[in-house]
N, C-alpha and C. Protein backbone atom coordinates (compact mmCIF):
# COMPACT_ATOMS: atom_id res chain seq x y z
N MET A 1 5.15 -57.71 9.56
CA MET A 1 4.82 -57.32 8.16
C MET A 1 3.42 -56.86 8.07
N LYS A 2 3.32 -55.75 7.32
CA LYS A 2 1.98 -55.30 7.19
C LYS A 2 1.14 -56.10 6.08
N LYS A 3 -0.11 -56.48 6.56
CA LYS A 3 -0.89 -57.36 5.72
C LYS A 3 -1.90 -56.44 4.96
N THR A 4 -2.15 -57.06 3.84
CA THR A 4 -3.14 -56.47 2.80
C THR A 4 -4.33 -57.49 2.52
N THR A 5 -5.36 -56.95 2.03
CA THR A 5 -6.58 -57.80 1.71
C THR A 5 -6.39 -57.97 0.24
N VAL A 6 -6.67 -59.31 -0.15
CA VAL A 6 -6.78 -59.69 -1.63
C VAL A 6 -8.24 -60.09 -1.85
N THR A 7 -8.82 -59.39 -2.87
CA THR A 7 -10.23 -59.72 -3.18
C THR A 7 -10.21 -60.39 -4.59
N LEU A 8 -11.03 -61.59 -4.71
CA LEU A 8 -11.17 -62.12 -6.01
C LEU A 8 -12.56 -62.60 -6.24
N SER A 9 -12.93 -62.76 -7.47
CA SER A 9 -14.22 -63.44 -7.83
C SER A 9 -14.11 -64.83 -8.11
N TYR A 10 -15.05 -65.53 -7.63
CA TYR A 10 -15.11 -67.11 -7.89
C TYR A 10 -16.41 -67.55 -7.85
N ASP A 11 -16.74 -68.62 -8.63
CA ASP A 11 -18.00 -69.26 -8.58
C ASP A 11 -18.46 -69.54 -7.18
N ALA A 12 -19.65 -69.07 -6.91
CA ALA A 12 -20.10 -69.16 -5.37
C ALA A 12 -20.45 -70.63 -5.16
N GLU A 13 -20.90 -71.42 -6.10
CA GLU A 13 -21.32 -72.87 -5.80
C GLU A 13 -19.98 -73.65 -5.59
N LYS A 14 -19.01 -73.31 -6.42
CA LYS A 14 -17.70 -73.98 -6.28
C LYS A 14 -17.05 -73.65 -4.95
N LEU A 15 -17.13 -72.30 -4.58
CA LEU A 15 -16.49 -71.94 -3.32
C LEU A 15 -17.21 -72.56 -2.12
N SER A 16 -18.51 -72.78 -2.27
CA SER A 16 -19.32 -73.38 -1.19
C SER A 16 -18.78 -74.92 -1.02
N ALA A 17 -18.68 -75.61 -2.25
CA ALA A 17 -18.18 -76.91 -2.12
C ALA A 17 -16.73 -77.07 -1.62
N ILE A 18 -15.93 -76.10 -1.94
CA ILE A 18 -14.53 -76.17 -1.38
C ILE A 18 -14.60 -76.06 0.13
N GLU A 19 -15.43 -75.16 0.69
CA GLU A 19 -15.45 -74.92 2.08
C GLU A 19 -16.10 -76.10 2.80
N GLN A 20 -17.09 -76.73 2.10
CA GLN A 20 -17.71 -77.79 2.76
C GLN A 20 -16.77 -78.98 2.88
N TYR A 21 -15.97 -79.22 1.84
CA TYR A 21 -15.15 -80.47 1.91
C TYR A 21 -13.80 -80.17 2.81
N MET A 22 -13.39 -78.79 2.72
CA MET A 22 -12.25 -78.57 3.66
C MET A 22 -12.67 -78.66 5.18
N GLU A 23 -13.88 -78.24 5.39
CA GLU A 23 -14.40 -78.19 6.75
C GLU A 23 -14.37 -79.69 7.24
N LYS A 24 -14.74 -80.62 6.51
CA LYS A 24 -14.61 -82.12 6.84
C LYS A 24 -13.29 -82.50 7.30
N LYS A 25 -12.30 -81.89 6.72
CA LYS A 25 -10.83 -82.15 6.96
C LYS A 25 -10.19 -81.23 8.07
N ASN A 26 -11.08 -80.41 8.64
CA ASN A 26 -10.63 -79.38 9.61
C ASN A 26 -9.59 -78.49 8.94
N VAL A 27 -9.72 -78.00 7.72
CA VAL A 27 -8.85 -77.19 6.96
C VAL A 27 -9.61 -75.89 6.66
N LEU A 28 -8.91 -74.79 6.93
CA LEU A 28 -9.58 -73.41 6.78
C LEU A 28 -9.07 -72.89 5.41
N LEU A 29 -9.92 -72.32 4.66
CA LEU A 29 -9.75 -71.82 3.29
C LEU A 29 -8.61 -70.66 3.46
N PRO A 30 -8.75 -69.72 4.35
CA PRO A 30 -7.76 -68.64 4.44
C PRO A 30 -6.42 -69.09 4.60
N ALA A 31 -6.19 -70.16 5.53
CA ALA A 31 -4.98 -70.72 5.80
C ALA A 31 -4.36 -71.38 4.50
N GLU A 32 -5.21 -72.03 3.80
CA GLU A 32 -4.64 -72.76 2.49
C GLU A 32 -4.29 -71.73 1.52
N LEU A 33 -5.07 -70.64 1.29
CA LEU A 33 -4.70 -69.57 0.37
C LEU A 33 -3.43 -68.91 0.86
N ASP A 34 -3.27 -68.73 2.12
CA ASP A 34 -2.02 -68.12 2.67
C ASP A 34 -0.77 -68.93 2.27
N LYS A 35 -0.89 -70.22 2.39
CA LYS A 35 0.16 -71.16 2.05
C LYS A 35 0.47 -71.08 0.60
N TYR A 36 -0.63 -71.10 -0.20
CA TYR A 36 -0.37 -71.03 -1.74
C TYR A 36 0.34 -69.76 -2.15
N LEU A 37 -0.15 -68.57 -1.47
CA LEU A 37 0.42 -67.33 -1.87
C LEU A 37 1.82 -67.31 -1.45
N GLN A 38 2.22 -67.91 -0.29
CA GLN A 38 3.68 -68.07 0.03
C GLN A 38 4.49 -68.78 -1.00
N LYS A 39 3.90 -69.84 -1.47
CA LYS A 39 4.60 -70.67 -2.53
C LYS A 39 4.72 -69.84 -3.80
N LEU A 40 3.76 -69.03 -4.18
CA LEU A 40 3.82 -68.18 -5.30
C LEU A 40 4.97 -67.15 -5.24
N TYR A 41 5.09 -66.65 -3.93
CA TYR A 41 6.01 -65.65 -3.69
C TYR A 41 7.48 -66.16 -3.70
N GLU A 42 7.56 -67.36 -3.25
CA GLU A 42 8.90 -68.07 -3.21
C GLU A 42 9.25 -68.45 -4.69
N LYS A 43 8.34 -68.87 -5.45
CA LYS A 43 8.50 -69.24 -6.86
C LYS A 43 8.92 -68.02 -7.70
N HIS A 44 8.24 -66.91 -7.56
CA HIS A 44 8.47 -65.85 -8.50
C HIS A 44 9.35 -64.69 -8.16
N VAL A 45 9.49 -64.40 -6.79
CA VAL A 45 10.31 -63.39 -6.25
C VAL A 45 11.80 -63.85 -6.10
N PRO A 46 12.74 -63.24 -6.64
CA PRO A 46 14.07 -63.68 -6.58
C PRO A 46 14.63 -63.66 -5.09
N PRO A 47 15.45 -64.70 -4.72
CA PRO A 47 15.89 -64.78 -3.45
C PRO A 47 16.47 -63.58 -2.71
N LEU A 48 17.31 -62.75 -3.48
CA LEU A 48 17.85 -61.54 -2.97
C LEU A 48 16.82 -60.58 -2.63
N VAL A 49 15.72 -60.48 -3.52
CA VAL A 49 14.56 -59.48 -3.10
C VAL A 49 13.85 -60.00 -1.91
N ARG A 50 13.62 -61.30 -1.74
CA ARG A 50 12.93 -61.84 -0.63
C ARG A 50 13.73 -61.50 0.64
N GLU A 51 15.02 -61.72 0.54
CA GLU A 51 15.89 -61.51 1.67
C GLU A 51 15.78 -59.97 2.06
N TYR A 52 15.89 -59.23 1.17
CA TYR A 52 15.70 -57.75 1.47
C TYR A 52 14.50 -57.41 2.09
N ILE A 53 13.39 -57.94 1.60
CA ILE A 53 12.02 -57.64 2.21
C ILE A 53 12.01 -58.12 3.51
N GLU A 54 12.41 -59.39 3.83
CA GLU A 54 12.30 -59.99 5.09
C GLU A 54 13.22 -59.38 6.04
N THR A 55 14.43 -58.81 5.77
CA THR A 55 15.30 -58.13 6.61
C THR A 55 14.78 -56.74 6.88
N ARG A 56 14.26 -56.18 5.96
CA ARG A 56 13.80 -54.74 6.22
C ARG A 56 12.56 -54.82 7.16
N ASP A 57 11.78 -55.81 7.20
CA ASP A 57 10.57 -55.94 8.06
C ASP A 57 10.95 -56.32 9.46
N ARG A 58 12.24 -56.71 9.67
CA ARG A 58 12.59 -57.01 11.09
C ARG A 58 13.41 -56.02 11.63
N PRO A 59 13.11 -55.22 12.57
CA PRO A 59 13.82 -54.13 13.11
C PRO A 59 14.96 -54.70 13.87
N ASP A 60 15.02 -55.93 14.43
CA ASP A 60 16.09 -56.50 15.30
C ASP A 60 17.14 -57.30 14.30
N ALA A 61 16.93 -57.31 13.01
CA ALA A 61 17.80 -58.09 12.13
C ALA A 61 19.06 -57.29 11.86
N PRO A 62 20.11 -57.81 11.97
CA PRO A 62 21.45 -57.10 11.67
C PRO A 62 21.48 -56.81 10.21
N ILE A 63 21.87 -55.55 9.86
CA ILE A 63 22.02 -55.26 8.37
C ILE A 63 23.36 -55.81 7.94
N GLN A 64 23.29 -56.70 6.93
CA GLN A 64 24.50 -57.08 6.29
C GLN A 64 24.90 -56.33 5.01
N ALA A 65 26.21 -55.85 5.11
CA ALA A 65 26.65 -55.12 4.04
C ALA A 65 27.13 -56.10 2.90
N ARG A 66 26.75 -55.85 1.72
CA ARG A 66 27.20 -56.71 0.54
C ARG A 66 28.63 -56.25 0.26
N PRO A 67 29.49 -57.30 -0.12
CA PRO A 67 30.81 -56.78 -0.53
C PRO A 67 30.82 -56.04 -1.63
N ALA A 68 31.64 -54.99 -1.74
CA ALA A 68 31.76 -54.22 -3.03
C ALA A 68 32.30 -55.03 -4.10
N GLN A 69 31.76 -54.73 -5.28
CA GLN A 69 32.28 -55.49 -6.45
C GLN A 69 33.64 -54.92 -6.80
N SER A 70 34.51 -55.81 -6.89
CA SER A 70 35.93 -55.32 -7.18
C SER A 70 36.09 -54.96 -8.71
N LYS A 71 36.83 -53.91 -8.87
CA LYS A 71 37.06 -53.42 -10.28
C LYS A 71 38.31 -54.07 -10.74
N PRO A 72 38.40 -54.30 -12.11
CA PRO A 72 39.62 -54.94 -12.59
C PRO A 72 40.79 -54.03 -12.43
N ALA A 73 41.89 -54.41 -12.10
CA ALA A 73 43.14 -53.58 -11.89
C ALA A 73 43.52 -53.19 -13.26
N PRO A 74 43.97 -51.84 -13.39
CA PRO A 74 44.41 -51.30 -14.68
C PRO A 74 45.61 -52.07 -15.17
N ALA A 75 45.65 -52.27 -16.39
CA ALA A 75 46.82 -53.13 -17.04
C ALA A 75 48.00 -52.08 -16.98
N HIS A 76 49.28 -52.58 -16.54
CA HIS A 76 50.40 -51.86 -16.54
C HIS A 76 51.17 -52.24 -17.86
N ASP A 77 51.65 -51.06 -18.48
CA ASP A 77 52.31 -51.32 -19.68
C ASP A 77 53.86 -51.32 -19.56
N ASN A 78 54.40 -51.12 -18.33
CA ASN A 78 55.69 -51.09 -17.97
C ASN A 78 56.52 -50.15 -18.87
N GLY A 79 55.94 -49.14 -19.34
CA GLY A 79 56.55 -48.08 -20.09
C GLY A 79 56.72 -48.49 -21.52
N GLN A 80 56.18 -49.65 -21.94
CA GLN A 80 56.23 -50.06 -23.30
C GLN A 80 55.05 -49.57 -24.06
N ARG A 81 55.29 -49.22 -25.23
CA ARG A 81 54.08 -48.79 -26.04
C ARG A 81 53.49 -49.92 -26.96
N LYS A 82 52.24 -50.05 -26.87
CA LYS A 82 51.44 -51.16 -27.70
C LYS A 82 51.16 -50.71 -29.01
N GLU A 83 51.45 -51.37 -30.04
CA GLU A 83 51.03 -51.08 -31.35
C GLU A 83 49.60 -51.60 -31.67
N ASN A 84 48.95 -50.78 -32.48
CA ASN A 84 47.56 -51.12 -32.86
C ASN A 84 47.77 -52.19 -34.03
N VAL A 85 47.19 -53.42 -34.01
CA VAL A 85 47.50 -54.53 -34.94
C VAL A 85 46.30 -54.42 -35.91
N ASN A 86 45.32 -53.60 -35.81
CA ASN A 86 44.12 -53.70 -36.71
C ASN A 86 44.27 -52.94 -38.07
N GLY A 87 45.49 -52.76 -38.37
CA GLY A 87 45.63 -51.95 -39.61
C GLY A 87 46.01 -52.44 -40.93
């Protein structure tokens, strides 16, 4: 999957504190942000769209055809004429 860069503004002092305390726990900020973005993706993007995106990005994935929607069969009147009752 092609990656893109996300840029945002945040208070420098707060960011420094986040990095300082994450470092003590051997946690990297980019990894945590990536996990959070994945959760947002799963929360907001419908499952069929996610499946399409994930399948499209894997060249070895088999393409699954969705079953065609069936149309209702035309009603047969057996040669009988129906009268309009709205009148």
